[in-house]
Amino acid sequence: VKSRLRLKEEILRGDAIGSSRSIYSNNAILDAVPIDSLFERSLSSVTKFFPGLAKLPIDKKKPLRIVGGSTNKILEACLPIGNLVFGDGVQAHCEIAIWMRSVGDPIVGELAFSYRVNDANRNQAKAHKRADKFFKKLQVELASWLEIGSTKTALVYGKPE
């Protein structure tokens, strides 16, 4: 199974429409479904996909379970809708993501755009500001569609991010 690690900054809407805040996460992205067949339900069996877990002072034989139980599995369908160009080397892909308990049973949707900040575009301050301005303006235009102060994860699992 192919996997890759990624440090991710998510820029989310802040407490007010037209504002923003950041959350950070370390992600392991697995290119496989269903997750049940990838590993046994123990910490040691997932360390090949999440190598940072091996360093934790936790008994590696501890059992793992799906958040919310096996009936709370979530499917995600992503529909790419295009690219946004904010400046030289700052091009974002845009998509709509739908989370479902089963196909055809949507729970929540998300309109998102993302781009990588790298050595080649890090100093493109005007382009990054354009992206930020677009994000805030989009909130104003779509205000009636927004869930205030939440994320997909918080809505589905009932936990703050």
N, C-alpha and C. Protein backbone atom coordinates (compact mmCIF):
# COMPACT_ATOMS: atom_id res chain seq x y z
N VAL A 1 0.85 -1.18 0.00
CA VAL A 1 0.00 0.00 0.00
C VAL A 1 0.88 1.23 0.00
N LYS A 2 0.65 2.13 -0.94
CA LYS A 2 1.39 3.37 -1.01
C LYS A 2 0.90 4.33 0.07
N SER A 3 1.85 5.01 0.71
CA SER A 3 1.48 6.04 1.68
C SER A 3 2.50 7.16 1.61
N ARG A 4 2.09 8.33 2.07
CA ARG A 4 3.01 9.47 2.13
C ARG A 4 2.66 10.31 3.35
N LEU A 5 3.67 10.98 3.88
CA LEU A 5 3.50 11.83 5.05
C LEU A 5 3.45 13.29 4.62
N ARG A 6 2.68 14.10 5.35
CA ARG A 6 2.56 15.50 4.98
C ARG A 6 2.21 16.34 6.22
N LEU A 7 2.95 17.44 6.39
CA LEU A 7 2.58 18.45 7.38
C LEU A 7 1.63 19.40 6.68
N LYS A 8 0.51 19.66 7.29
CA LYS A 8 -0.53 20.43 6.61
C LYS A 8 -1.00 21.58 7.50
N GLU A 9 -1.10 22.76 6.92
CA GLU A 9 -1.77 23.88 7.57
C GLU A 9 -3.12 24.03 6.89
N GLU A 10 -4.17 23.98 7.67
CA GLU A 10 -5.50 24.24 7.13
C GLU A 10 -5.91 25.63 7.58
N ILE A 11 -6.32 26.43 6.64
CA ILE A 11 -6.81 27.77 6.96
C ILE A 11 -8.33 27.68 6.91
N LEU A 12 -8.92 27.90 8.06
CA LEU A 12 -10.36 27.77 8.22
C LEU A 12 -10.98 29.13 8.49
N ARG A 13 -12.28 29.19 8.34
CA ARG A 13 -12.95 30.42 8.70
C ARG A 13 -12.80 30.65 10.19
N GLY A 14 -12.62 31.90 10.58
CA GLY A 14 -12.50 32.25 11.99
C GLY A 14 -13.88 32.34 12.63
N ASP A 15 -13.95 33.05 13.73
CA ASP A 15 -15.21 33.19 14.46
C ASP A 15 -16.23 34.05 13.73
N ALA A 16 -15.76 34.90 12.85
CA ALA A 16 -16.67 35.77 12.11
C ALA A 16 -16.50 35.53 10.61
N ILE A 17 -17.57 35.75 9.87
CA ILE A 17 -17.51 35.63 8.42
C ILE A 17 -16.49 36.63 7.88
N GLY A 18 -15.62 36.15 6.99
CA GLY A 18 -14.59 37.00 6.42
C GLY A 18 -13.30 37.00 7.22
N SER A 19 -13.18 36.08 8.19
CA SER A 19 -11.95 35.98 8.98
C SER A 19 -11.34 34.61 8.77
N SER A 20 -10.17 34.38 9.35
CA SER A 20 -9.53 33.07 9.19
C SER A 20 -8.75 32.69 10.44
N ARG A 21 -8.49 31.40 10.55
CA ARG A 21 -7.65 30.84 11.61
C ARG A 21 -6.95 29.62 11.03
N SER A 22 -5.90 29.16 11.68
CA SER A 22 -5.13 28.01 11.18
C SER A 22 -5.13 26.88 12.18
N ILE A 23 -5.16 25.66 11.66
CA ILE A 23 -4.87 24.47 12.46
C ILE A 23 -3.82 23.68 11.68
N TYR A 24 -2.99 22.95 12.41
CA TYR A 24 -1.89 22.21 11.80
C TYR A 24 -2.05 20.73 12.13
N SER A 25 -1.63 19.88 11.19
CA SER A 25 -1.68 18.45 11.44
C SER A 25 -0.59 17.74 10.65
N ASN A 26 -0.15 16.61 11.19
CA ASN A 26 0.73 15.70 10.47
C ASN A 26 -0.17 14.61 9.93
N ASN A 27 -0.13 14.37 8.64
CA ASN A 27 -1.02 13.40 8.01
C ASN A 27 -0.24 12.27 7.38
N ALA A 28 -0.82 11.10 7.41
CA ALA A 28 -0.34 9.99 6.61
C ALA A 28 -1.47 9.69 5.63
N ILE A 29 -1.17 9.76 4.37
CA ILE A 29 -2.18 9.57 3.33
C ILE A 29 -1.98 8.18 2.74
N LEU A 30 -3.01 7.35 2.85
CA LEU A 30 -2.95 5.98 2.36
C LEU A 30 -3.78 5.88 1.08
N ASP A 31 -3.22 5.25 0.07
CA ASP A 31 -3.92 5.09 -1.20
C ASP A 31 -4.60 3.73 -1.25
N ALA A 32 -5.54 3.49 -0.33
CA ALA A 32 -6.22 2.20 -0.32
C ALA A 32 -7.55 2.30 0.42
N VAL A 33 -8.49 1.47 -0.01
CA VAL A 33 -9.78 1.34 0.65
C VAL A 33 -10.15 -0.12 0.51
N PRO A 34 -10.73 -0.79 1.48
CA PRO A 34 -11.13 -0.28 2.78
C PRO A 34 -10.00 -0.37 3.80
N ILE A 35 -10.03 0.48 4.78
CA ILE A 35 -9.01 0.55 5.82
C ILE A 35 -8.95 -0.74 6.64
N ASP A 36 -10.10 -1.43 6.78
CA ASP A 36 -10.15 -2.66 7.59
C ASP A 36 -9.14 -3.70 7.16
N SER A 37 -8.85 -3.79 5.87
CA SER A 37 -7.96 -4.84 5.38
C SER A 37 -6.49 -4.44 5.41
N LEU A 38 -6.19 -3.21 5.81
CA LEU A 38 -4.80 -2.75 5.79
C LEU A 38 -3.99 -3.21 6.99
N PHE A 39 -4.61 -3.31 8.15
CA PHE A 39 -3.86 -3.66 9.35
C PHE A 39 -4.77 -4.30 10.39
N GLU A 40 -4.11 -5.04 11.30
CA GLU A 40 -4.85 -5.58 12.42
C GLU A 40 -5.19 -4.41 13.33
N ARG A 41 -5.96 -4.63 14.32
CA ARG A 41 -6.39 -3.54 15.20
C ARG A 41 -5.45 -3.32 16.37
N SER A 42 -4.15 -3.12 16.07
CA SER A 42 -3.18 -2.83 17.13
C SER A 42 -2.27 -1.68 16.69
N LEU A 43 -1.68 -1.01 17.67
CA LEU A 43 -0.79 0.11 17.38
C LEU A 43 0.41 -0.34 16.55
N SER A 44 0.96 -1.50 16.87
CA SER A 44 2.15 -1.96 16.13
C SER A 44 1.86 -2.18 14.65
N SER A 45 0.65 -2.56 14.29
CA SER A 45 0.34 -2.84 12.89
C SER A 45 0.19 -1.59 12.03
N VAL A 46 0.01 -0.43 12.66
CA VAL A 46 -0.15 0.79 11.86
C VAL A 46 1.12 1.64 11.81
N THR A 47 2.16 1.25 12.54
CA THR A 47 3.37 2.08 12.57
C THR A 47 4.08 2.15 11.21
N LYS A 48 3.85 1.18 10.32
CA LYS A 48 4.47 1.28 8.99
C LYS A 48 3.83 2.41 8.18
N PHE A 49 2.57 2.75 8.47
CA PHE A 49 1.89 3.84 7.78
C PHE A 49 2.03 5.17 8.52
N PHE A 50 2.16 5.08 9.85
CA PHE A 50 2.28 6.25 10.72
C PHE A 50 3.53 6.07 11.57
N PRO A 51 4.73 6.25 10.99
CA PRO A 51 5.98 5.92 11.68
C PRO A 51 6.20 6.69 12.98
N GLY A 52 5.65 7.86 13.10
CA GLY A 52 5.81 8.64 14.33
C GLY A 52 5.21 7.95 15.54
N LEU A 53 4.22 7.09 15.33
CA LEU A 53 3.60 6.38 16.45
C LEU A 53 4.57 5.41 17.12
N ALA A 54 5.54 4.92 16.38
CA ALA A 54 6.50 3.95 16.94
C ALA A 54 7.34 4.58 18.04
N LYS A 55 7.48 5.89 18.02
CA LYS A 55 8.31 6.59 19.01
C LYS A 55 7.58 6.86 20.32
N LEU A 56 6.27 6.71 20.32
CA LEU A 56 5.50 7.01 21.53
C LEU A 56 5.72 5.95 22.60
N PRO A 57 5.79 6.37 23.86
CA PRO A 57 5.98 5.40 24.95
C PRO A 57 4.66 4.72 25.32
N ILE A 58 4.10 4.02 24.35
CA ILE A 58 2.81 3.33 24.53
C ILE A 58 3.02 1.87 24.16
N ASP A 59 2.35 0.99 24.89
CA ASP A 59 2.40 -0.44 24.59
C ASP A 59 1.89 -0.66 23.16
N LYS A 60 2.74 -1.20 22.30
CA LYS A 60 2.40 -1.37 20.88
C LYS A 60 1.35 -2.45 20.64
N LYS A 61 1.03 -3.21 21.68
CA LYS A 61 -0.01 -4.23 21.56
C LYS A 61 -1.40 -3.68 21.88
N LYS A 62 -1.45 -2.40 22.26
CA LYS A 62 -2.73 -1.78 22.58
C LYS A 62 -3.66 -1.86 21.37
N PRO A 63 -4.93 -2.15 21.60
CA PRO A 63 -5.87 -2.23 20.48
C PRO A 63 -6.25 -0.84 19.96
N LEU A 64 -6.57 -0.80 18.68
CA LEU A 64 -7.08 0.41 18.04
C LEU A 64 -8.50 0.15 17.59
N ARG A 65 -9.27 1.22 17.51
CA ARG A 65 -10.64 1.08 17.00
C ARG A 65 -10.98 2.30 16.16
N ILE A 66 -11.98 2.17 15.35
CA ILE A 66 -12.46 3.27 14.52
C ILE A 66 -13.16 4.27 15.42
N VAL A 67 -12.88 5.54 15.22
CA VAL A 67 -13.52 6.58 16.02
C VAL A 67 -15.03 6.47 15.86
N GLY A 68 -15.73 6.35 16.97
CA GLY A 68 -17.19 6.25 16.91
C GLY A 68 -17.68 4.85 16.61
N GLY A 69 -16.78 3.86 16.48
CA GLY A 69 -17.19 2.49 16.21
C GLY A 69 -17.31 2.20 14.72
N SER A 70 -17.48 0.93 14.41
CA SER A 70 -17.48 0.51 13.00
C SER A 70 -18.67 1.04 12.22
N THR A 71 -19.73 1.45 12.92
CA THR A 71 -20.88 2.01 12.21
C THR A 71 -20.67 3.47 11.86
N ASN A 72 -19.57 4.05 12.31
CA ASN A 72 -19.31 5.46 12.06
C ASN A 72 -18.24 5.68 10.99
N LYS A 73 -18.05 4.71 10.11
CA LYS A 73 -17.09 4.89 9.02
C LYS A 73 -17.61 5.95 8.07
N ILE A 74 -16.68 6.73 7.56
CA ILE A 74 -17.05 7.83 6.68
C ILE A 74 -16.39 7.64 5.31
N LEU A 75 -17.18 7.80 4.27
CA LEU A 75 -16.67 7.80 2.90
C LEU A 75 -16.53 9.25 2.46
N GLU A 76 -15.50 9.53 1.67
CA GLU A 76 -15.33 10.88 1.14
C GLU A 76 -15.26 10.80 -0.38
N ALA A 77 -16.11 11.57 -1.04
CA ALA A 77 -16.07 11.68 -2.49
C ALA A 77 -15.61 13.09 -2.83
N CYS A 78 -14.59 13.19 -3.68
CA CYS A 78 -14.03 14.49 -4.06
C CYS A 78 -14.26 14.73 -5.55
N LEU A 79 -14.75 15.90 -5.86
CA LEU A 79 -15.00 16.29 -7.24
C LEU A 79 -14.13 17.49 -7.58
N PRO A 80 -13.09 17.31 -8.40
CA PRO A 80 -12.28 18.45 -8.79
C PRO A 80 -13.10 19.38 -9.69
N ILE A 81 -13.01 20.69 -9.41
CA ILE A 81 -13.80 21.62 -10.22
C ILE A 81 -12.96 22.65 -10.96
N GLY A 82 -11.64 22.61 -10.79
CA GLY A 82 -10.80 23.52 -11.55
C GLY A 82 -9.60 24.01 -10.79
N ASN A 83 -8.91 24.97 -11.39
CA ASN A 83 -7.72 25.56 -10.78
C ASN A 83 -7.91 27.07 -10.64
N LEU A 84 -7.30 27.60 -9.60
CA LEU A 84 -7.30 29.04 -9.35
C LEU A 84 -5.86 29.52 -9.40
N VAL A 85 -5.61 30.58 -10.15
CA VAL A 85 -4.25 31.12 -10.26
C VAL A 85 -4.22 32.45 -9.52
N PHE A 86 -3.41 32.51 -8.47
CA PHE A 86 -3.30 33.72 -7.66
C PHE A 86 -2.07 34.54 -8.00
N GLY A 87 -1.16 33.96 -8.77
CA GLY A 87 0.06 34.65 -9.15
C GLY A 87 1.09 33.65 -9.64
N ASP A 88 2.26 34.13 -9.97
CA ASP A 88 3.33 33.30 -10.51
C ASP A 88 3.69 32.17 -9.54
N GLY A 89 3.43 30.94 -9.94
CA GLY A 89 3.78 29.79 -9.12
C GLY A 89 2.82 29.50 -7.98
N VAL A 90 1.76 30.27 -7.87
CA VAL A 90 0.77 30.05 -6.81
C VAL A 90 -0.56 29.70 -7.48
N GLN A 91 -0.69 28.41 -7.77
CA GLN A 91 -1.88 27.89 -8.43
C GLN A 91 -2.52 26.86 -7.51
N ALA A 92 -3.81 27.03 -7.26
CA ALA A 92 -4.52 26.14 -6.34
C ALA A 92 -5.48 25.24 -7.11
N HIS A 93 -5.60 24.00 -6.65
CA HIS A 93 -6.66 23.16 -7.21
C HIS A 93 -7.88 23.32 -6.30
N CYS A 94 -9.04 23.29 -6.90
CA CYS A 94 -10.29 23.54 -6.20
C CYS A 94 -11.17 22.30 -6.34
N GLU A 95 -11.81 21.91 -5.23
CA GLU A 95 -12.67 20.73 -5.29
C GLU A 95 -13.82 20.84 -4.30
N ILE A 96 -14.82 20.03 -4.54
CA ILE A 96 -15.92 19.87 -3.60
C ILE A 96 -15.77 18.47 -3.00
N ALA A 97 -15.82 18.38 -1.68
CA ALA A 97 -15.73 17.10 -0.99
C ALA A 97 -17.05 16.85 -0.27
N ILE A 98 -17.55 15.64 -0.38
CA ILE A 98 -18.79 15.24 0.30
C ILE A 98 -18.45 14.07 1.21
N TRP A 99 -18.81 14.17 2.48
CA TRP A 99 -18.66 13.06 3.42
C TRP A 99 -20.00 12.35 3.54
N MET A 100 -19.95 11.01 3.50
CA MET A 100 -21.16 10.19 3.53
C MET A 100 -20.96 9.00 4.46
N ARG A 101 -22.05 8.53 5.07
CA ARG A 101 -21.99 7.27 5.83
C ARG A 101 -22.08 6.10 4.85
N SER A 102 -22.84 6.28 3.79
CA SER A 102 -22.90 5.31 2.71
C SER A 102 -23.14 6.11 1.43
N VAL A 103 -22.92 5.49 0.30
CA VAL A 103 -23.08 6.19 -0.97
C VAL A 103 -24.51 6.71 -1.08
N GLY A 104 -24.64 7.98 -1.37
CA GLY A 104 -25.96 8.59 -1.52
C GLY A 104 -26.56 9.12 -0.23
N ASP A 105 -25.82 9.04 0.88
CA ASP A 105 -26.31 9.51 2.18
C ASP A 105 -25.37 10.60 2.70
N PRO A 106 -25.41 11.80 2.08
CA PRO A 106 -24.45 12.85 2.45
C PRO A 106 -24.67 13.38 3.86
N ILE A 107 -23.56 13.71 4.52
CA ILE A 107 -23.60 14.29 5.86
C ILE A 107 -23.23 15.76 5.79
N VAL A 108 -22.11 16.04 5.12
CA VAL A 108 -21.60 17.40 5.05
C VAL A 108 -20.75 17.55 3.80
N GLY A 109 -20.71 18.75 3.28
CA GLY A 109 -19.89 19.03 2.11
C GLY A 109 -18.92 20.16 2.38
N GLU A 110 -17.93 20.26 1.51
CA GLU A 110 -16.91 21.29 1.68
C GLU A 110 -16.43 21.75 0.31
N LEU A 111 -16.33 23.04 0.15
CA LEU A 111 -15.68 23.63 -1.01
C LEU A 111 -14.29 24.03 -0.54
N ALA A 112 -13.27 23.53 -1.20
CA ALA A 112 -11.91 23.79 -0.73
C ALA A 112 -10.99 24.10 -1.91
N PHE A 113 -9.96 24.88 -1.62
CA PHE A 113 -8.88 25.05 -2.58
C PHE A 113 -7.58 24.95 -1.81
N SER A 114 -6.57 24.41 -2.47
CA SER A 114 -5.29 24.25 -1.78
C SER A 114 -4.14 24.39 -2.76
N TYR A 115 -3.02 24.85 -2.21
CA TYR A 115 -1.79 24.93 -2.99
C TYR A 115 -0.62 24.74 -2.06
N ARG A 116 0.49 24.34 -2.62
CA ARG A 116 1.69 24.11 -1.83
C ARG A 116 2.53 25.38 -1.79
N VAL A 117 3.04 25.67 -0.61
CA VAL A 117 4.04 26.73 -0.47
C VAL A 117 5.39 26.03 -0.48
N ASN A 118 6.25 26.44 -1.41
CA ASN A 118 7.56 25.81 -1.53
C ASN A 118 8.62 26.89 -1.76
N ASP A 119 9.85 26.46 -1.92
CA ASP A 119 10.94 27.43 -2.10
C ASP A 119 10.72 28.33 -3.32
N ALA A 120 10.11 27.79 -4.36
CA ALA A 120 9.91 28.56 -5.59
C ALA A 120 8.87 29.67 -5.45
N ASN A 121 7.86 29.47 -4.59
CA ASN A 121 6.79 30.48 -4.50
C ASN A 121 6.68 31.14 -3.12
N ARG A 122 7.55 30.77 -2.21
CA ARG A 122 7.47 31.27 -0.82
C ARG A 122 7.46 32.80 -0.74
N ASN A 123 8.20 33.47 -1.60
CA ASN A 123 8.31 34.93 -1.53
C ASN A 123 7.27 35.67 -2.38
N GLN A 124 6.31 34.95 -2.91
CA GLN A 124 5.26 35.57 -3.73
C GLN A 124 4.16 36.16 -2.83
N ALA A 125 4.53 37.16 -2.03
CA ALA A 125 3.63 37.72 -1.01
C ALA A 125 2.31 38.21 -1.60
N LYS A 126 2.34 38.88 -2.75
CA LYS A 126 1.11 39.39 -3.36
C LYS A 126 0.16 38.25 -3.72
N ALA A 127 0.70 37.18 -4.26
CA ALA A 127 -0.13 36.04 -4.65
C ALA A 127 -0.75 35.38 -3.42
N HIS A 128 0.03 35.22 -2.36
CA HIS A 128 -0.51 34.61 -1.13
C HIS A 128 -1.59 35.51 -0.52
N LYS A 129 -1.40 36.81 -0.61
CA LYS A 129 -2.43 37.75 -0.10
C LYS A 129 -3.69 37.67 -0.95
N ARG A 130 -3.54 37.48 -2.27
CA ARG A 130 -4.71 37.31 -3.14
C ARG A 130 -5.50 36.06 -2.73
N ALA A 131 -4.79 34.98 -2.44
CA ALA A 131 -5.45 33.75 -2.02
C ALA A 131 -6.21 33.98 -0.72
N ASP A 132 -5.60 34.67 0.22
CA ASP A 132 -6.24 34.95 1.50
C ASP A 132 -7.47 35.84 1.31
N LYS A 133 -7.35 36.85 0.47
CA LYS A 133 -8.47 37.75 0.19
C LYS A 133 -9.62 36.99 -0.47
N PHE A 134 -9.28 36.10 -1.41
CA PHE A 134 -10.30 35.29 -2.09
C PHE A 134 -11.04 34.42 -1.08
N PHE A 135 -10.31 33.78 -0.17
CA PHE A 135 -10.90 32.91 0.85
C PHE A 135 -11.89 33.69 1.71
N LYS A 136 -11.50 34.87 2.13
CA LYS A 136 -12.37 35.68 2.99
C LYS A 136 -13.59 36.20 2.23
N LYS A 137 -13.39 36.62 0.98
CA LYS A 137 -14.50 37.11 0.15
C LYS A 137 -15.49 35.98 -0.16
N LEU A 138 -14.98 34.78 -0.40
CA LEU A 138 -15.83 33.63 -0.66
C LEU A 138 -16.77 33.36 0.52
N GLN A 139 -16.26 33.53 1.74
CA GLN A 139 -17.10 33.35 2.93
C GLN A 139 -18.27 34.32 2.94
N VAL A 140 -18.00 35.56 2.57
CA VAL A 140 -19.04 36.58 2.55
C VAL A 140 -20.11 36.21 1.52
N GLU A 141 -19.67 35.79 0.34
CA GLU A 141 -20.60 35.45 -0.74
C GLU A 141 -21.42 34.19 -0.43
N LEU A 142 -20.84 33.26 0.32
CA LEU A 142 -21.52 31.99 0.62
C LEU A 142 -21.94 31.89 2.09
N ALA A 143 -22.11 33.02 2.75
CA ALA A 143 -22.36 33.05 4.19
C ALA A 143 -23.53 32.16 4.62
N SER A 144 -24.60 32.11 3.85
CA SER A 144 -25.77 31.32 4.25
C SER A 144 -25.52 29.81 4.16
N TRP A 145 -24.43 29.40 3.53
CA TRP A 145 -24.11 27.98 3.39
C TRP A 145 -23.13 27.51 4.46
N LEU A 146 -22.57 28.41 5.25
CA LEU A 146 -21.50 28.06 6.18
C LEU A 146 -22.02 27.54 7.51
N GLU A 147 -21.30 26.57 8.05
CA GLU A 147 -21.55 26.08 9.41
C GLU A 147 -20.60 26.84 10.31
N ILE A 148 -21.15 27.63 11.21
CA ILE A 148 -20.33 28.52 12.02
C ILE A 148 -19.47 27.75 13.01
N GLY A 149 -18.18 28.08 13.03
CA GLY A 149 -17.24 27.56 14.02
C GLY A 149 -17.05 26.06 14.02
N SER A 150 -17.11 25.42 12.85
CA SER A 150 -16.96 23.97 12.84
C SER A 150 -16.15 23.52 11.63
N THR A 151 -15.79 22.24 11.67
CA THR A 151 -15.11 21.58 10.56
C THR A 151 -15.91 20.32 10.23
N LYS A 152 -15.58 19.68 9.11
CA LYS A 152 -16.25 18.41 8.78
C LYS A 152 -16.04 17.41 9.91
N THR A 153 -14.81 17.31 10.40
CA THR A 153 -14.48 16.34 11.45
C THR A 153 -15.30 16.60 12.70
N ALA A 154 -15.38 17.85 13.12
CA ALA A 154 -16.13 18.19 14.33
C ALA A 154 -17.62 17.88 14.15
N LEU A 155 -18.17 18.15 12.97
CA LEU A 155 -19.58 17.86 12.74
C LEU A 155 -19.88 16.37 12.79
N VAL A 156 -19.03 15.57 12.17
CA VAL A 156 -19.27 14.14 12.09
C VAL A 156 -19.02 13.43 13.41
N TYR A 157 -17.90 13.76 14.06
CA TYR A 157 -17.52 13.04 15.27
C TYR A 157 -17.92 13.75 16.55
N GLY A 158 -18.48 14.96 16.43
CA GLY A 158 -18.93 15.68 17.61
C GLY A 158 -17.81 16.14 18.53
N LYS A 159 -16.64 16.35 17.96
CA LYS A 159 -15.47 16.76 18.76
C LYS A 159 -14.90 18.04 18.16
N PRO A 160 -14.40 18.92 19.02
CA PRO A 160 -13.73 20.11 18.47
C PRO A 160 -12.43 19.71 17.78
N GLU A 161 -12.00 20.52 16.79
CA GLU A 161 -10.78 20.17 16.07
C GLU A 161 -9.55 20.42 16.89
